[in-house]
Amino acid sequence: MSDEEKNETADAPAAEAEAAPAPVAEAPAEPKKEAASSEKQPGLKKERVGKVISDKMKQTIVVEVVRRVPHPKFRKIIKRTSKFYAHDEDETAVIGDRVRIVECRPLSKTKRWRLEKVLAH
């Protein structure tokens, strides 16, 4: 192999690197806007399943949701209950029904949930 051939093969990768233009980082033409709170995805709302314990109010039901959680110290599984006031537009749910409620905007002082579906009568 002659000296010229060695120089050509050694210079080939360097020549290719010089010939290729370096990638230029382009700034976005328009700054991305953060999603407004009103444009939340529909799947991000909380859902709870519970039992109707009161339907005495007009278009409102009281739903008791039972959670099973471990005791902080002893780790035995214990039941914790929460009561939620939910909006029942058609007044379809009655006492004893198993229902699914979904988080929504505040409808009154205490109502932050709405009835999605009656699961069992």
N, C-alpha and C. Protein backbone atom coordinates (compact mmCIF):
# COMPACT_ATOMS: atom_id res chain seq x y z
N MET A 1 0.84 -1.16 0.00
CA MET A 1 0.00 0.00 0.00
C MET A 1 0.89 1.23 0.00
N SER A 2 0.59 2.15 -0.85
CA SER A 2 1.42 3.35 -0.96
C SER A 2 0.97 4.37 0.07
N ASP A 3 1.79 5.40 0.24
CA ASP A 3 1.47 6.46 1.21
C ASP A 3 0.19 7.21 0.81
N GLU A 4 -0.05 7.37 -0.48
CA GLU A 4 -1.24 8.09 -0.92
C GLU A 4 -2.52 7.32 -0.56
N GLU A 5 -2.48 5.99 -0.74
CA GLU A 5 -3.65 5.18 -0.41
C GLU A 5 -3.94 5.25 1.09
N LYS A 6 -2.88 5.24 1.93
CA LYS A 6 -3.07 5.32 3.37
C LYS A 6 -3.72 6.66 3.75
N ASN A 7 -3.26 7.72 3.14
CA ASN A 7 -3.81 9.05 3.43
C ASN A 7 -5.27 9.14 3.01
N GLU A 8 -5.60 8.54 1.86
CA GLU A 8 -6.98 8.59 1.38
C GLU A 8 -7.92 7.84 2.33
N THR A 9 -7.50 6.64 2.78
CA THR A 9 -8.37 5.86 3.67
C THR A 9 -8.45 6.51 5.05
N ALA A 10 -7.40 7.11 5.52
CA ALA A 10 -7.41 7.77 6.83
C ALA A 10 -8.23 9.05 6.78
N ASP A 11 -8.19 9.76 5.65
CA ASP A 11 -8.90 11.02 5.52
C ASP A 11 -10.38 10.84 5.16
N ALA A 12 -10.77 9.66 4.71
CA ALA A 12 -12.14 9.46 4.25
C ALA A 12 -13.17 9.72 5.37
N PRO A 13 -13.04 9.16 6.56
CA PRO A 13 -14.05 9.46 7.58
C PRO A 13 -14.02 10.94 7.98
N ALA A 14 -12.88 11.53 8.02
CA ALA A 14 -12.78 12.94 8.39
C ALA A 14 -13.42 13.80 7.30
N ALA A 15 -13.26 13.44 6.06
CA ALA A 15 -13.84 14.20 4.96
C ALA A 15 -15.36 14.09 4.98
N GLU A 16 -15.88 12.91 5.32
CA GLU A 16 -17.33 12.74 5.40
C GLU A 16 -17.90 13.58 6.53
N ALA A 17 -17.20 13.63 7.64
CA ALA A 17 -17.69 14.39 8.79
C ALA A 17 -17.71 15.88 8.47
N GLU A 18 -16.71 16.35 7.73
CA GLU A 18 -16.67 17.77 7.38
C GLU A 18 -17.76 18.11 6.36
N ALA A 19 -18.04 17.19 5.45
CA ALA A 19 -19.01 17.45 4.39
C ALA A 19 -20.44 17.48 4.94
N ALA A 20 -20.75 16.66 5.95
CA ALA A 20 -22.11 16.61 6.50
C ALA A 20 -22.34 17.85 7.37
N PRO A 21 -23.40 18.58 7.12
CA PRO A 21 -23.67 19.76 7.94
C PRO A 21 -24.11 19.35 9.35
N ALA A 22 -23.71 20.12 10.31
CA ALA A 22 -24.06 19.84 11.69
C ALA A 22 -25.55 20.11 11.89
N PRO A 23 -26.24 19.26 12.64
CA PRO A 23 -27.67 19.50 12.86
C PRO A 23 -27.87 20.78 13.67
N VAL A 24 -28.82 21.57 13.21
CA VAL A 24 -29.09 22.84 13.86
C VAL A 24 -30.36 22.69 14.69
N ALA A 25 -30.27 23.06 15.94
CA ALA A 25 -31.45 22.98 16.80
C ALA A 25 -32.36 24.16 16.48
N GLU A 26 -33.57 23.83 16.02
CA GLU A 26 -34.51 24.88 15.65
C GLU A 26 -35.40 25.21 16.83
N ALA A 27 -35.59 26.48 17.04
CA ALA A 27 -36.50 26.91 18.11
C ALA A 27 -37.92 26.75 17.60
N PRO A 28 -38.84 26.33 18.46
CA PRO A 28 -40.22 26.19 18.00
C PRO A 28 -40.78 27.55 17.60
N ALA A 29 -41.50 27.55 16.50
CA ALA A 29 -42.03 28.80 15.98
C ALA A 29 -43.08 29.39 16.92
N GLU A 30 -43.83 28.51 17.59
CA GLU A 30 -44.90 28.96 18.47
C GLU A 30 -44.71 28.32 19.83
N PRO A 31 -44.68 29.09 20.91
CA PRO A 31 -44.53 28.45 22.22
C PRO A 31 -45.76 27.61 22.54
N LYS A 32 -45.52 26.45 23.13
CA LYS A 32 -46.64 25.56 23.44
C LYS A 32 -47.43 26.13 24.60
N LYS A 33 -48.73 26.10 24.45
CA LYS A 33 -49.60 26.59 25.51
C LYS A 33 -49.91 25.43 26.45
N GLU A 34 -49.91 25.73 27.75
CA GLU A 34 -50.27 24.70 28.71
C GLU A 34 -51.77 24.49 28.66
N ALA A 35 -52.18 23.27 28.90
CA ALA A 35 -53.60 22.95 28.86
C ALA A 35 -54.34 23.70 29.96
N ALA A 36 -55.40 24.34 29.59
CA ALA A 36 -56.21 25.06 30.57
C ALA A 36 -56.94 24.06 31.44
N SER A 37 -57.33 24.49 32.62
CA SER A 37 -57.98 23.58 33.55
C SER A 37 -59.32 23.09 33.02
N SER A 38 -59.95 23.87 32.14
CA SER A 38 -61.23 23.46 31.58
C SER A 38 -61.06 22.41 30.48
N GLU A 39 -59.83 22.21 30.00
CA GLU A 39 -59.58 21.26 28.92
C GLU A 39 -58.99 19.95 29.45
N LYS A 40 -59.39 19.52 30.61
CA LYS A 40 -58.88 18.28 31.17
C LYS A 40 -59.42 17.09 30.38
N GLN A 41 -58.64 16.03 30.40
CA GLN A 41 -59.05 14.81 29.73
C GLN A 41 -60.21 14.19 30.49
N PRO A 42 -61.17 13.58 29.80
CA PRO A 42 -62.32 13.01 30.49
C PRO A 42 -61.96 11.83 31.39
N GLY A 43 -60.87 11.17 31.15
CA GLY A 43 -60.50 10.01 31.94
C GLY A 43 -59.84 10.33 33.27
N LEU A 44 -59.64 11.59 33.58
CA LEU A 44 -58.91 11.96 34.79
C LEU A 44 -59.82 12.20 35.99
N LYS A 45 -61.11 12.01 35.85
CA LYS A 45 -62.02 12.27 36.95
C LYS A 45 -62.08 11.07 37.88
N LYS A 46 -62.20 11.34 39.16
CA LYS A 46 -62.27 10.28 40.14
C LYS A 46 -63.61 9.57 40.05
N GLU A 47 -63.60 8.29 40.29
CA GLU A 47 -64.82 7.49 40.31
C GLU A 47 -64.86 6.70 41.60
N ARG A 48 -66.05 6.55 42.15
CA ARG A 48 -66.24 5.77 43.36
C ARG A 48 -67.47 4.89 43.18
N VAL A 49 -67.45 3.73 43.80
CA VAL A 49 -68.60 2.83 43.81
C VAL A 49 -69.04 2.69 45.25
N GLY A 50 -70.34 2.88 45.49
CA GLY A 50 -70.83 2.80 46.85
C GLY A 50 -72.30 2.46 46.90
N LYS A 51 -72.85 2.53 48.10
CA LYS A 51 -74.23 2.17 48.35
C LYS A 51 -75.02 3.42 48.73
N VAL A 52 -76.23 3.57 48.16
CA VAL A 52 -77.08 4.72 48.47
C VAL A 52 -77.67 4.51 49.86
N ILE A 53 -77.43 5.49 50.75
CA ILE A 53 -77.98 5.38 52.10
C ILE A 53 -79.11 6.38 52.34
N SER A 54 -79.28 7.35 51.42
CA SER A 54 -80.38 8.30 51.55
C SER A 54 -80.74 8.86 50.17
N ASP A 55 -82.06 8.98 49.92
CA ASP A 55 -82.54 9.62 48.70
C ASP A 55 -83.67 10.58 49.03
N LYS A 56 -83.69 11.12 50.23
CA LYS A 56 -84.78 11.97 50.72
C LYS A 56 -84.75 13.37 50.09
N MET A 57 -83.60 13.83 49.63
CA MET A 57 -83.49 15.18 49.06
C MET A 57 -83.86 15.16 47.58
N LYS A 58 -84.20 16.32 47.07
CA LYS A 58 -84.58 16.45 45.68
C LYS A 58 -83.33 16.43 44.81
N GLN A 59 -83.25 15.48 43.88
CA GLN A 59 -82.14 15.32 42.93
C GLN A 59 -80.79 15.14 43.63
N THR A 60 -80.79 14.64 44.84
CA THR A 60 -79.55 14.41 45.57
C THR A 60 -79.62 13.07 46.28
N ILE A 61 -78.54 12.32 46.21
CA ILE A 61 -78.44 11.07 46.96
C ILE A 61 -77.20 11.13 47.83
N VAL A 62 -77.22 10.37 48.91
CA VAL A 62 -76.05 10.25 49.78
C VAL A 62 -75.50 8.85 49.55
N VAL A 63 -74.22 8.77 49.18
CA VAL A 63 -73.60 7.50 48.85
C VAL A 63 -72.51 7.21 49.88
N GLU A 64 -72.54 6.01 50.42
CA GLU A 64 -71.52 5.58 51.38
C GLU A 64 -70.51 4.71 50.64
N VAL A 65 -69.25 5.10 50.67
CA VAL A 65 -68.19 4.36 50.00
C VAL A 65 -67.31 3.73 51.07
N VAL A 66 -67.10 2.44 50.95
CA VAL A 66 -66.29 1.70 51.92
C VAL A 66 -64.93 1.40 51.30
N ARG A 67 -63.88 1.79 52.02
CA ARG A 67 -62.51 1.49 51.59
C ARG A 67 -61.90 0.51 52.57
N ARG A 68 -61.11 -0.40 52.08
CA ARG A 68 -60.38 -1.34 52.96
C ARG A 68 -58.92 -0.93 52.94
N VAL A 69 -58.41 -0.54 54.09
CA VAL A 69 -57.03 -0.06 54.20
C VAL A 69 -56.33 -0.75 55.36
N PRO A 70 -55.02 -0.91 55.29
CA PRO A 70 -54.30 -1.50 56.42
C PRO A 70 -54.16 -0.50 57.56
N HIS A 71 -54.25 -0.99 58.79
CA HIS A 71 -54.04 -0.15 59.96
C HIS A 71 -52.59 0.34 59.92
N PRO A 72 -52.35 1.62 60.24
CA PRO A 72 -50.99 2.17 60.11
C PRO A 72 -49.93 1.44 60.95
N LYS A 73 -50.32 0.98 62.13
CA LYS A 73 -49.34 0.34 63.01
C LYS A 73 -49.40 -1.18 62.94
N PHE A 74 -50.60 -1.74 62.98
CA PHE A 74 -50.74 -3.19 63.09
C PHE A 74 -50.92 -3.91 61.76
N ARG A 75 -51.19 -3.18 60.69
CA ARG A 75 -51.31 -3.71 59.33
C ARG A 75 -52.50 -4.65 59.14
N LYS A 76 -53.43 -4.69 60.08
CA LYS A 76 -54.65 -5.45 59.87
C LYS A 76 -55.56 -4.65 58.95
N ILE A 77 -56.26 -5.33 58.05
CA ILE A 77 -57.15 -4.64 57.12
C ILE A 77 -58.40 -4.20 57.88
N ILE A 78 -58.69 -2.90 57.80
CA ILE A 78 -59.88 -2.34 58.44
C ILE A 78 -60.69 -1.58 57.42
N LYS A 79 -61.99 -1.38 57.74
CA LYS A 79 -62.88 -0.66 56.82
C LYS A 79 -62.97 0.80 57.22
N ARG A 80 -62.90 1.66 56.22
CA ARG A 80 -63.10 3.10 56.41
C ARG A 80 -64.25 3.51 55.50
N THR A 81 -65.20 4.30 56.02
CA THR A 81 -66.32 4.72 55.21
C THR A 81 -66.29 6.23 55.01
N SER A 82 -66.81 6.65 53.86
CA SER A 82 -66.94 8.07 53.52
C SER A 82 -68.32 8.28 52.93
N LYS A 83 -68.91 9.42 53.23
CA LYS A 83 -70.21 9.76 52.66
C LYS A 83 -70.02 10.86 51.63
N PHE A 84 -70.64 10.69 50.47
CA PHE A 84 -70.58 11.67 49.40
C PHE A 84 -72.00 12.06 49.00
N TYR A 85 -72.22 13.35 48.78
CA TYR A 85 -73.49 13.83 48.26
C TYR A 85 -73.34 13.89 46.74
N ALA A 86 -74.24 13.23 46.04
CA ALA A 86 -74.14 13.15 44.59
C ALA A 86 -75.43 13.63 43.93
N HIS A 87 -75.29 14.23 42.76
CA HIS A 87 -76.42 14.76 42.01
C HIS A 87 -77.06 13.62 41.20
N ASP A 88 -78.37 13.43 41.40
CA ASP A 88 -79.13 12.41 40.69
C ASP A 88 -80.21 13.12 39.88
N GLU A 89 -79.90 13.48 38.65
CA GLU A 89 -80.77 14.30 37.81
C GLU A 89 -82.17 13.71 37.65
N ASP A 90 -82.24 12.42 37.34
CA ASP A 90 -83.53 11.78 37.05
C ASP A 90 -84.14 11.10 38.27
N GLU A 91 -83.48 11.17 39.39
CA GLU A 91 -83.91 10.53 40.64
C GLU A 91 -84.19 9.05 40.43
N THR A 92 -83.22 8.36 39.81
CA THR A 92 -83.36 6.94 39.51
C THR A 92 -82.88 6.05 40.65
N ALA A 93 -81.94 6.51 41.45
CA ALA A 93 -81.38 5.68 42.51
C ALA A 93 -82.28 5.70 43.74
N VAL A 94 -82.38 4.56 44.40
CA VAL A 94 -83.15 4.44 45.64
C VAL A 94 -82.25 3.85 46.72
N ILE A 95 -82.72 3.91 47.95
CA ILE A 95 -81.93 3.41 49.08
C ILE A 95 -81.58 1.94 48.85
N GLY A 96 -80.32 1.61 49.07
CA GLY A 96 -79.84 0.24 48.93
C GLY A 96 -79.19 -0.05 47.59
N ASP A 97 -79.35 0.81 46.60
CA ASP A 97 -78.74 0.59 45.28
C ASP A 97 -77.22 0.71 45.36
N ARG A 98 -76.56 -0.07 44.54
CA ARG A 98 -75.12 0.05 44.37
C ARG A 98 -74.92 0.94 43.15
N VAL A 99 -74.17 2.06 43.32
CA VAL A 99 -74.05 3.06 42.25
C VAL A 99 -72.60 3.44 42.03
N ARG A 100 -72.35 3.99 40.82
CA ARG A 100 -71.05 4.58 40.50
C ARG A 100 -71.23 6.08 40.42
N ILE A 101 -70.40 6.83 41.16
CA ILE A 101 -70.45 8.29 41.10
C ILE A 101 -69.13 8.81 40.55
N VAL A 102 -69.20 9.98 39.90
CA VAL A 102 -68.05 10.58 39.23
C VAL A 102 -67.88 12.01 39.73
N GLU A 103 -66.65 12.40 39.92
CA GLU A 103 -66.33 13.75 40.37
C GLU A 103 -66.78 14.78 39.31
N CYS A 104 -67.28 15.92 39.78
CA CYS A 104 -67.69 16.98 38.85
C CYS A 104 -67.46 18.34 39.52
N ARG A 105 -67.84 19.39 38.85
CA ARG A 105 -67.69 20.72 39.40
C ARG A 105 -68.61 20.88 40.61
N PRO A 106 -68.35 21.81 41.50
CA PRO A 106 -69.23 22.00 42.65
C PRO A 106 -70.65 22.40 42.20
N LEU A 107 -71.63 21.64 42.67
CA LEU A 107 -73.01 21.91 42.32
C LEU A 107 -73.74 22.63 43.45
N SER A 108 -73.23 22.50 44.66
CA SER A 108 -73.78 23.20 45.82
C SER A 108 -72.70 23.24 46.89
N LYS A 109 -73.08 23.60 48.09
CA LYS A 109 -72.12 23.67 49.18
C LYS A 109 -71.46 22.31 49.45
N THR A 110 -72.23 21.24 49.33
CA THR A 110 -71.70 19.90 49.66
C THR A 110 -71.61 18.95 48.47
N LYS A 111 -72.31 19.23 47.37
CA LYS A 111 -72.32 18.29 46.24
C LYS A 111 -71.17 18.55 45.28
N ARG A 112 -70.30 17.54 45.15
CA ARG A 112 -69.16 17.60 44.22
C ARG A 112 -69.11 16.37 43.31
N TRP A 113 -70.16 15.56 43.36
CA TRP A 113 -70.21 14.30 42.63
C TRP A 113 -71.53 14.21 41.89
N ARG A 114 -71.57 13.41 40.82
CA ARG A 114 -72.82 13.16 40.12
C ARG A 114 -72.95 11.66 39.87
N LEU A 115 -74.19 11.22 39.82
CA LEU A 115 -74.47 9.81 39.58
C LEU A 115 -74.16 9.47 38.13
N GLU A 116 -73.35 8.44 37.91
CA GLU A 116 -73.05 8.02 36.56
C GLU A 116 -73.92 6.84 36.16
N LYS A 117 -74.04 5.86 37.06
CA LYS A 117 -74.77 4.66 36.69
C LYS A 117 -75.25 3.92 37.94
N VAL A 118 -76.45 3.37 37.85
CA VAL A 118 -76.95 2.48 38.92
C VAL A 118 -76.48 1.08 38.54
N LEU A 119 -75.64 0.47 39.36
CA LEU A 119 -75.06 -0.83 39.04
C LEU A 119 -75.98 -1.98 39.43
N ALA A 120 -76.64 -1.89 40.58
CA ALA A 120 -77.55 -2.95 41.03
C ALA A 120 -78.65 -2.38 41.87
N HIS A 121 -79.86 -2.87 41.68
CA HIS A 121 -81.01 -2.41 42.48
C HIS A 121 -81.13 -3.25 43.73
